[in-house]
Amino acid sequence: MDRRKLLLYLLLNVFISACVTGAILFWYDRNYRSTALSPVQPAPVSNNQTAPQPTLNPQVDIPVEIVSVIGAGTLNAEWVVVRNAGTESLNLSNWQLKDSDRNVFVFPNLTLNGGGAVQIHTISGTNTVIDLYWGETEPVWESGEEAQLSDPNGNVRAIYKVP
């Protein structure tokens, strides 16, 4: 075999091996490494006892935003990205994410650091610090509807129109 052809085949083999290894590592990181992170604790459930909740002033702007709704209408691909656009930490415990059909996701005890984000998946799964799971069996989001993020007092803090 000609040395040129051998070198070409070796370079092609290295390139394909690198691509496959990169794809496997990306898939592993996305699906398994995040579950190894510390799990998010559920928000406290009220048993006719109300724990003191911080009162949020509706006049004060809280820099939290709904960045996007991805995969609307496809259960396994649907998720919402919520980001703390400020520099201070923000506890999202008992905040609510709602759609136009009155589907409601209540956030567990989760603190977003400044600039941090969390993904809320429509399907069931194990909550981590970067991925939360709603546990629905049908898609929630549809094109044209509004996603609203409300604080524990019911004040709407962010609105996003699903494309």
N, C-alpha and C. Protein backbone atom coordinates (compact mmCIF):
# COMPACT_ATOMS: atom_id res chain seq x y z
N MET A 1 0.84 -1.17 0.00
CA MET A 1 0.00 0.00 0.00
C MET A 1 0.89 1.24 0.00
N ASP A 2 0.49 2.21 -0.72
CA ASP A 2 1.23 3.46 -0.84
C ASP A 2 1.23 4.20 0.49
N ARG A 3 2.36 4.78 0.86
CA ARG A 3 2.47 5.51 2.14
C ARG A 3 1.52 6.68 2.22
N ARG A 4 1.23 7.32 1.10
CA ARG A 4 0.29 8.44 1.09
C ARG A 4 -1.12 7.98 1.49
N LYS A 5 -1.53 6.87 0.91
CA LYS A 5 -2.85 6.33 1.23
C LYS A 5 -2.92 5.90 2.68
N LEU A 6 -1.86 5.28 3.17
CA LEU A 6 -1.81 4.86 4.56
C LEU A 6 -1.93 6.06 5.50
N LEU A 7 -1.21 7.13 5.20
CA LEU A 7 -1.27 8.34 6.00
C LEU A 7 -2.68 8.95 5.96
N LEU A 8 -3.29 8.96 4.78
CA LEU A 8 -4.65 9.47 4.64
C LEU A 8 -5.63 8.66 5.48
N TYR A 9 -5.54 7.35 5.42
CA TYR A 9 -6.42 6.49 6.22
C TYR A 9 -6.20 6.69 7.71
N LEU A 10 -4.95 6.83 8.13
CA LEU A 10 -4.65 7.07 9.55
C LEU A 10 -5.24 8.40 10.02
N LEU A 11 -5.07 9.46 9.22
CA LEU A 11 -5.64 10.76 9.59
C LEU A 11 -7.17 10.72 9.63
N LEU A 12 -7.77 10.04 8.68
CA LEU A 12 -9.22 9.90 8.67
C LEU A 12 -9.69 9.12 9.90
N ASN A 13 -8.97 8.08 10.27
CA ASN A 13 -9.31 7.29 11.45
C ASN A 13 -9.22 8.14 12.72
N VAL A 14 -8.18 8.95 12.84
CA VAL A 14 -8.01 9.83 14.01
C VAL A 14 -9.16 10.83 14.08
N PHE A 15 -9.52 11.42 12.95
CA PHE A 15 -10.61 12.39 12.91
C PHE A 15 -11.94 11.76 13.32
N ILE A 16 -12.27 10.63 12.76
CA ILE A 16 -13.53 9.96 13.09
C ILE A 16 -13.55 9.53 14.56
N SER A 17 -12.44 9.01 15.05
CA SER A 17 -12.36 8.61 16.46
C SER A 17 -12.57 9.81 17.39
N ALA A 18 -11.97 10.94 17.05
CA ALA A 18 -12.14 12.15 17.87
C ALA A 18 -13.59 12.61 17.85
N CYS A 19 -14.24 12.58 16.72
CA CYS A 19 -15.65 12.99 16.61
C CYS A 19 -16.56 12.08 17.43
N VAL A 20 -16.37 10.78 17.32
CA VAL A 20 -17.20 9.82 18.06
C VAL A 20 -16.96 9.97 19.56
N THR A 21 -15.72 10.10 19.98
CA THR A 21 -15.42 10.27 21.40
C THR A 21 -16.04 11.56 21.94
N GLY A 22 -15.94 12.65 21.19
CA GLY A 22 -16.55 13.91 21.60
C GLY A 22 -18.05 13.80 21.72
N ALA A 23 -18.69 13.14 20.78
CA ALA A 23 -20.15 12.98 20.83
C ALA A 23 -20.56 12.14 22.04
N ILE A 24 -19.84 11.08 22.33
CA ILE A 24 -20.16 10.23 23.48
C ILE A 24 -19.97 11.01 24.78
N LEU A 25 -18.88 11.76 24.89
CA LEU A 25 -18.66 12.55 26.11
C LEU A 25 -19.73 13.61 26.28
N PHE A 26 -20.15 14.27 25.20
CA PHE A 26 -21.22 15.26 25.28
C PHE A 26 -22.51 14.61 25.76
N TRP A 27 -22.87 13.47 25.18
CA TRP A 27 -24.09 12.76 25.56
C TRP A 27 -24.03 12.33 27.03
N TYR A 28 -22.90 11.79 27.45
CA TYR A 28 -22.74 11.37 28.84
C TYR A 28 -22.87 12.54 29.79
N ASP A 29 -22.20 13.64 29.47
CA ASP A 29 -22.26 14.82 30.33
C ASP A 29 -23.68 15.34 30.45
N ARG A 30 -24.40 15.36 29.37
CA ARG A 30 -25.78 15.89 29.36
C ARG A 30 -26.74 14.97 30.10
N ASN A 31 -26.54 13.67 30.03
CA ASN A 31 -27.53 12.74 30.58
C ASN A 31 -27.16 12.13 31.92
N TYR A 32 -25.91 12.01 32.26
CA TYR A 32 -25.54 11.32 33.48
C TYR A 32 -24.80 12.17 34.50
N ARG A 33 -23.92 13.03 34.06
CA ARG A 33 -23.15 13.81 35.02
C ARG A 33 -24.04 14.73 35.83
N SER A 34 -25.07 15.33 35.22
CA SER A 34 -25.94 16.25 35.93
C SER A 34 -26.72 15.55 37.04
N THR A 35 -26.99 14.25 36.89
CA THR A 35 -27.71 13.54 37.95
C THR A 35 -26.81 13.22 39.13
N ALA A 36 -25.50 13.32 38.93
CA ALA A 36 -24.57 13.07 40.03
C ALA A 36 -24.41 14.31 40.91
N LEU A 37 -24.91 15.46 40.44
CA LEU A 37 -24.84 16.67 41.24
C LEU A 37 -25.80 16.55 42.42
N SER A 38 -25.60 17.38 43.41
CA SER A 38 -26.46 17.29 44.59
C SER A 38 -27.91 17.54 44.21
N PRO A 39 -28.82 16.69 44.69
CA PRO A 39 -30.22 16.84 44.33
C PRO A 39 -30.83 18.07 45.00
N VAL A 40 -31.85 18.60 44.35
CA VAL A 40 -32.57 19.75 44.87
C VAL A 40 -33.60 19.25 45.88
N GLN A 41 -33.69 19.92 46.99
CA GLN A 41 -34.66 19.55 48.02
C GLN A 41 -36.03 20.12 47.65
N PRO A 42 -37.11 19.35 47.86
CA PRO A 42 -38.43 19.88 47.54
C PRO A 42 -38.78 21.03 48.48
N ALA A 43 -39.62 21.91 47.99
CA ALA A 43 -40.08 23.02 48.81
C ALA A 43 -40.90 22.46 49.97
N PRO A 44 -40.85 23.09 51.14
CA PRO A 44 -41.61 22.57 52.28
C PRO A 44 -43.10 22.57 51.98
N VAL A 45 -43.76 21.48 52.36
CA VAL A 45 -45.20 21.36 52.16
C VAL A 45 -45.90 21.84 53.42
N SER A 46 -46.90 22.64 53.22
CA SER A 46 -47.63 23.21 54.35
C SER A 46 -48.65 22.21 54.87
N ASN A 47 -48.58 21.90 56.16
CA ASN A 47 -49.58 21.06 56.83
C ASN A 47 -50.37 21.94 57.78
N ASN A 48 -51.10 22.87 57.20
CA ASN A 48 -51.87 23.86 57.96
C ASN A 48 -50.98 24.69 58.86
N GLN A 49 -49.69 24.64 58.65
CA GLN A 49 -48.76 25.49 59.36
C GLN A 49 -48.02 26.28 58.29
N THR A 50 -48.04 27.57 58.42
CA THR A 50 -47.39 28.38 57.41
C THR A 50 -46.04 28.83 57.92
N ALA A 51 -45.03 28.44 57.19
CA ALA A 51 -43.69 28.89 57.51
C ALA A 51 -43.56 30.33 57.05
N PRO A 52 -42.85 31.15 57.78
CA PRO A 52 -42.72 32.54 57.36
C PRO A 52 -42.02 32.62 56.01
N GLN A 53 -42.68 33.23 55.05
CA GLN A 53 -42.13 33.42 53.71
C GLN A 53 -41.61 34.85 53.59
N PRO A 54 -40.50 35.03 52.91
CA PRO A 54 -40.05 36.40 52.72
C PRO A 54 -41.06 37.15 51.87
N THR A 55 -41.39 38.35 52.28
CA THR A 55 -42.34 39.16 51.54
C THR A 55 -41.56 39.93 50.48
N LEU A 56 -41.93 39.71 49.22
CA LEU A 56 -41.26 40.38 48.13
C LEU A 56 -42.07 41.60 47.74
N ASN A 57 -41.41 42.71 47.64
CA ASN A 57 -42.07 43.95 47.27
C ASN A 57 -42.35 43.94 45.77
N PRO A 58 -43.64 44.07 45.36
CA PRO A 58 -43.95 44.03 43.93
C PRO A 58 -43.39 45.23 43.18
N GLN A 59 -43.04 46.29 43.90
CA GLN A 59 -42.50 47.49 43.25
C GLN A 59 -41.01 47.35 42.93
N VAL A 60 -40.35 46.39 43.57
CA VAL A 60 -38.91 46.19 43.35
C VAL A 60 -38.72 45.24 42.17
N ASP A 61 -37.88 45.65 41.25
CA ASP A 61 -37.60 44.82 40.09
C ASP A 61 -36.63 43.71 40.47
N ILE A 62 -37.04 42.46 40.26
CA ILE A 62 -36.17 41.32 40.50
C ILE A 62 -35.68 40.86 39.13
N PRO A 63 -34.37 40.86 38.92
CA PRO A 63 -33.83 40.55 37.58
C PRO A 63 -33.86 39.06 37.26
N VAL A 64 -35.05 38.51 37.16
CA VAL A 64 -35.21 37.10 36.78
C VAL A 64 -35.96 37.09 35.46
N GLU A 65 -35.59 36.16 34.58
CA GLU A 65 -36.22 36.15 33.26
C GLU A 65 -36.43 34.73 32.75
N ILE A 66 -37.44 34.59 31.92
CA ILE A 66 -37.64 33.35 31.18
C ILE A 66 -36.88 33.55 29.87
N VAL A 67 -35.80 32.83 29.70
CA VAL A 67 -34.93 33.01 28.54
C VAL A 67 -35.55 32.40 27.30
N SER A 68 -36.11 31.20 27.43
CA SER A 68 -36.71 30.55 26.27
C SER A 68 -37.58 29.37 26.67
N VAL A 69 -38.46 29.01 25.76
CA VAL A 69 -39.23 27.77 25.85
C VAL A 69 -38.82 26.96 24.63
N ILE A 70 -38.25 25.80 24.88
CA ILE A 70 -37.68 24.99 23.80
C ILE A 70 -38.52 23.75 23.58
N GLY A 71 -38.73 23.38 22.34
CA GLY A 71 -39.43 22.14 22.00
C GLY A 71 -40.91 22.14 22.28
N ALA A 72 -41.56 23.29 22.19
CA ALA A 72 -43.00 23.39 22.49
C ALA A 72 -43.79 22.37 21.68
N GLY A 73 -44.62 21.61 22.37
CA GLY A 73 -45.47 20.63 21.73
C GLY A 73 -44.89 19.23 21.63
N THR A 74 -43.62 19.06 22.01
CA THR A 74 -42.97 17.75 21.97
C THR A 74 -42.53 17.40 23.38
N LEU A 75 -43.25 16.47 24.02
CA LEU A 75 -43.06 16.17 25.44
C LEU A 75 -41.61 15.93 25.82
N ASN A 76 -40.91 15.06 25.11
CA ASN A 76 -39.54 14.71 25.49
C ASN A 76 -38.52 15.80 25.19
N ALA A 77 -38.92 16.81 24.41
CA ALA A 77 -37.98 17.87 24.04
C ALA A 77 -38.35 19.22 24.64
N GLU A 78 -39.40 19.25 25.47
CA GLU A 78 -39.89 20.50 26.02
C GLU A 78 -39.17 20.90 27.30
N TRP A 79 -38.66 22.13 27.35
CA TRP A 79 -38.15 22.67 28.60
C TRP A 79 -38.12 24.18 28.54
N VAL A 80 -38.09 24.77 29.72
CA VAL A 80 -38.07 26.23 29.87
C VAL A 80 -36.76 26.58 30.57
N VAL A 81 -36.13 27.64 30.12
CA VAL A 81 -34.90 28.11 30.75
C VAL A 81 -35.22 29.39 31.53
N VAL A 82 -34.98 29.36 32.85
CA VAL A 82 -35.18 30.52 33.72
C VAL A 82 -33.81 30.94 34.22
N ARG A 83 -33.54 32.27 34.15
CA ARG A 83 -32.22 32.77 34.51
C ARG A 83 -32.32 33.93 35.49
N ASN A 84 -31.40 33.95 36.44
CA ASN A 84 -31.24 35.08 37.35
C ASN A 84 -30.27 36.04 36.68
N ALA A 85 -30.79 37.13 36.14
CA ALA A 85 -29.96 38.07 35.40
C ALA A 85 -29.24 39.06 36.32
N GLY A 86 -29.49 38.97 37.61
CA GLY A 86 -28.85 39.88 38.55
C GLY A 86 -27.53 39.33 39.07
N THR A 87 -26.99 40.02 40.07
CA THR A 87 -25.73 39.60 40.67
C THR A 87 -25.94 38.96 42.04
N GLU A 88 -27.09 39.17 42.65
CA GLU A 88 -27.41 38.59 43.95
C GLU A 88 -28.05 37.22 43.77
N SER A 89 -27.93 36.36 44.78
CA SER A 89 -28.61 35.06 44.76
C SER A 89 -30.10 35.26 44.93
N LEU A 90 -30.88 34.35 44.34
CA LEU A 90 -32.33 34.42 44.40
C LEU A 90 -32.89 33.05 44.73
N ASN A 91 -33.64 32.94 45.83
CA ASN A 91 -34.26 31.67 46.21
C ASN A 91 -35.59 31.56 45.48
N LEU A 92 -35.73 30.52 44.66
CA LEU A 92 -36.95 30.32 43.87
C LEU A 92 -37.97 29.42 44.57
N SER A 93 -37.77 29.12 45.83
CA SER A 93 -38.69 28.25 46.56
C SER A 93 -40.11 28.82 46.48
N ASN A 94 -41.05 27.98 46.01
CA ASN A 94 -42.47 28.30 45.88
C ASN A 94 -42.79 29.32 44.80
N TRP A 95 -41.83 29.67 43.94
CA TRP A 95 -42.16 30.46 42.77
C TRP A 95 -42.95 29.55 41.84
N GLN A 96 -43.70 30.14 40.90
CA GLN A 96 -44.54 29.35 40.01
C GLN A 96 -44.29 29.72 38.55
N LEU A 97 -44.24 28.69 37.72
CA LEU A 97 -44.17 28.85 36.28
C LEU A 97 -45.51 28.38 35.74
N LYS A 98 -46.22 29.26 35.01
CA LYS A 98 -47.57 28.96 34.54
C LYS A 98 -47.66 29.15 33.04
N ASP A 99 -48.59 28.39 32.44
CA ASP A 99 -48.89 28.60 31.03
C ASP A 99 -50.31 29.16 30.92
N SER A 100 -50.76 29.41 29.70
CA SER A 100 -52.09 29.99 29.47
C SER A 100 -53.22 29.03 29.84
N ASP A 101 -52.94 27.72 29.87
CA ASP A 101 -53.97 26.72 30.20
C ASP A 101 -54.01 26.41 31.69
N ARG A 102 -53.36 27.22 32.49
CA ARG A 102 -53.33 27.10 33.96
C ARG A 102 -52.57 25.88 34.47
N ASN A 103 -51.65 25.37 33.68
CA ASN A 103 -50.72 24.36 34.19
C ASN A 103 -49.70 25.10 35.03
N VAL A 104 -49.40 24.57 36.22
CA VAL A 104 -48.52 25.29 37.15
C VAL A 104 -47.40 24.36 37.62
N PHE A 105 -46.17 24.88 37.55
CA PHE A 105 -45.01 24.21 38.12
C PHE A 105 -44.57 25.04 39.32
N VAL A 106 -44.47 24.40 40.50
CA VAL A 106 -44.01 25.09 41.71
C VAL A 106 -42.55 24.72 41.94
N PHE A 107 -41.70 25.72 42.05
CA PHE A 107 -40.28 25.49 42.23
C PHE A 107 -39.98 24.91 43.61
N PRO A 108 -39.06 23.96 43.67
CA PRO A 108 -38.60 23.44 44.96
C PRO A 108 -37.64 24.46 45.60
N ASN A 109 -37.07 24.08 46.73
CA ASN A 109 -36.11 24.94 47.41
C ASN A 109 -34.83 24.98 46.58
N LEU A 110 -34.68 26.03 45.78
CA LEU A 110 -33.56 26.16 44.86
C LEU A 110 -33.09 27.60 44.84
N THR A 111 -31.80 27.81 45.02
CA THR A 111 -31.24 29.15 44.96
C THR A 111 -30.43 29.29 43.69
N LEU A 112 -30.77 30.32 42.90
CA LEU A 112 -30.02 30.63 41.68
C LEU A 112 -29.03 31.73 42.00
N ASN A 113 -27.76 31.47 41.81
CA ASN A 113 -26.74 32.50 41.98
C ASN A 113 -26.87 33.51 40.87
N GLY A 114 -26.27 34.67 41.06
CA GLY A 114 -26.31 35.70 40.04
C GLY A 114 -25.78 35.18 38.72
N GLY A 115 -26.55 35.36 37.66
CA GLY A 115 -26.16 34.87 36.34
C GLY A 115 -26.47 33.41 36.11
N GLY A 116 -26.94 32.70 37.14
CA GLY A 116 -27.24 31.27 37.02
C GLY A 116 -28.57 31.02 36.34
N ALA A 117 -28.72 29.81 35.82
CA ALA A 117 -29.95 29.43 35.13
C ALA A 117 -30.33 28.01 35.50
N VAL A 118 -31.59 27.69 35.30
CA VAL A 118 -32.11 26.35 35.54
C VAL A 118 -33.06 26.00 34.39
N GLN A 119 -33.10 24.71 34.05
CA GLN A 119 -34.01 24.24 33.01
C GLN A 119 -35.13 23.46 33.67
N ILE A 120 -36.37 23.78 33.29
CA ILE A 120 -37.54 23.07 33.81
C ILE A 120 -38.06 22.20 32.67
N HIS A 121 -37.87 20.88 32.79
CA HIS A 121 -38.31 19.92 31.77
C HIS A 121 -39.75 19.51 32.06
N THR A 122 -40.53 19.35 31.03
CA THR A 122 -41.93 18.96 31.19
C THR A 122 -42.06 17.52 31.67
N ILE A 123 -41.16 16.64 31.26
CA ILE A 123 -41.24 15.22 31.58
C ILE A 123 -40.84 14.93 33.03
N SER A 124 -40.95 13.68 33.42
CA SER A 124 -40.50 13.25 34.75
C SER A 124 -39.00 13.02 34.74
N GLY A 125 -38.38 13.15 35.89
CA GLY A 125 -36.95 12.92 36.03
C GLY A 125 -36.52 13.23 37.44
N THR A 126 -35.24 13.18 37.68
CA THR A 126 -34.67 13.47 39.00
C THR A 126 -34.13 14.89 38.99
N ASN A 127 -34.64 15.72 39.90
CA ASN A 127 -34.19 17.11 39.98
C ASN A 127 -32.72 17.19 40.36
N THR A 128 -32.02 18.12 39.72
CA THR A 128 -30.65 18.46 40.08
C THR A 128 -30.61 19.98 40.20
N VAL A 129 -29.44 20.52 40.46
CA VAL A 129 -29.32 21.97 40.60
C VAL A 129 -29.41 22.70 39.26
N ILE A 130 -29.33 21.99 38.15
CA ILE A 130 -29.43 22.64 36.84
C ILE A 130 -30.63 22.18 36.03
N ASP A 131 -31.27 21.08 36.44
CA ASP A 131 -32.43 20.56 35.74
C ASP A 131 -33.53 20.21 36.73
N LEU A 132 -34.73 20.77 36.50
CA LEU A 132 -35.90 20.43 37.30
C LEU A 132 -36.90 19.73 36.39
N TYR A 133 -37.71 18.85 36.97
CA TYR A 133 -38.65 18.06 36.17
C TYR A 133 -40.07 18.25 36.69
N TRP A 134 -40.98 18.54 35.76
CA TRP A 134 -42.37 18.85 36.06
C TRP A 134 -43.17 17.59 36.31
N GLY A 135 -42.89 16.51 35.59
CA GLY A 135 -43.58 15.25 35.78
C GLY A 135 -44.89 15.13 35.00
N GLU A 136 -45.04 15.90 33.94
CA GLU A 136 -46.25 15.84 33.13
C GLU A 136 -46.16 14.69 32.11
N THR A 137 -47.31 14.22 31.67
CA THR A 137 -47.35 13.13 30.68
C THR A 137 -47.78 13.64 29.30
N GLU A 138 -48.15 14.90 29.21
CA GLU A 138 -48.54 15.54 27.95
C GLU A 138 -47.75 16.83 27.82
N PRO A 139 -47.49 17.27 26.59
CA PRO A 139 -46.80 18.56 26.42
C PRO A 139 -47.61 19.69 27.06
N VAL A 140 -46.92 20.68 27.59
CA VAL A 140 -47.57 21.81 28.25
C VAL A 140 -47.59 23.04 27.35
N TRP A 141 -46.51 23.27 26.64
CA TRP A 141 -46.35 24.51 25.90
C TRP A 141 -46.81 24.38 24.46
N GLU A 142 -47.41 25.46 23.95
CA GLU A 142 -47.78 25.53 22.54
C GLU A 142 -47.43 26.90 22.00
N SER A 143 -47.18 26.96 20.75
CA SER A 143 -46.77 28.20 20.10
C SER A 143 -47.84 29.28 20.28
N GLY A 144 -47.40 30.47 20.63
CA GLY A 144 -48.31 31.61 20.77
C GLY A 144 -48.78 31.87 22.19
N GLU A 145 -48.64 30.89 23.08
CA GLU A 145 -49.11 31.13 24.46
C GLU A 145 -48.05 31.83 25.28
N GLU A 146 -48.46 32.29 26.47
CA GLU A 146 -47.57 33.03 27.34
C GLU A 146 -47.11 32.18 28.51
N ALA A 147 -45.81 32.23 28.79
CA ALA A 147 -45.25 31.61 29.99
C ALA A 147 -45.06 32.73 31.01
N GLN A 148 -45.53 32.51 32.23
CA GLN A 148 -45.40 33.50 33.29
C GLN A 148 -44.65 32.93 34.48
N LEU A 149 -43.77 33.73 35.05
CA LEU A 149 -43.04 33.36 36.25
C LEU A 149 -43.49 34.30 37.36
N SER A 150 -44.03 33.70 38.44
CA SER A 150 -44.57 34.49 39.55
C SER A 150 -43.82 34.16 40.83
N ASP A 151 -43.65 35.18 41.68
CA ASP A 151 -43.03 34.98 42.98
C ASP A 151 -44.03 34.32 43.94
N PRO A 152 -43.62 33.93 45.14
CA PRO A 152 -44.54 33.26 46.07
C PRO A 152 -45.76 34.09 46.46
N ASN A 153 -45.69 35.41 46.29
CA ASN A 153 -46.82 36.28 46.61
C ASN A 153 -47.78 36.42 45.43
N GLY A 154 -47.48 35.79 44.30
CA GLY A 154 -48.35 35.85 43.13
C GLY A 154 -48.04 37.00 42.18
N ASN A 155 -46.99 37.77 42.44
CA ASN A 155 -46.62 38.87 41.56
C ASN A 155 -45.89 38.31 40.33
N VAL A 156 -46.36 38.68 39.15
CA VAL A 156 -45.72 38.22 37.91
C VAL A 156 -44.40 38.94 37.76
N ARG A 157 -43.32 38.18 37.67
CA ARG A 157 -41.97 38.75 37.58
C ARG A 157 -41.35 38.62 36.20
N ALA A 158 -41.87 37.71 35.37
CA ALA A 158 -41.34 37.56 34.01
C ALA A 158 -42.42 36.95 33.12
N ILE A 159 -42.45 37.39 31.87
CA ILE A 159 -43.40 36.87 30.87
C ILE A 159 -42.60 36.55 29.61
N TYR A 160 -42.96 35.44 28.97
CA TYR A 160 -42.31 35.05 27.73
C TYR A 160 -43.37 34.50 26.78
N LYS A 161 -43.41 35.00 25.56
CA LYS A 161 -44.34 34.49 24.56
C LYS A 161 -43.66 33.36 23.80
N VAL A 162 -44.26 32.18 23.81
CA VAL A 162 -43.69 31.00 23.15
C VAL A 162 -43.76 31.22 21.64
N PRO A 163 -42.61 31.10 20.97
CA PRO A 163 -42.60 31.32 19.50
C PRO A 163 -43.33 30.22 18.74
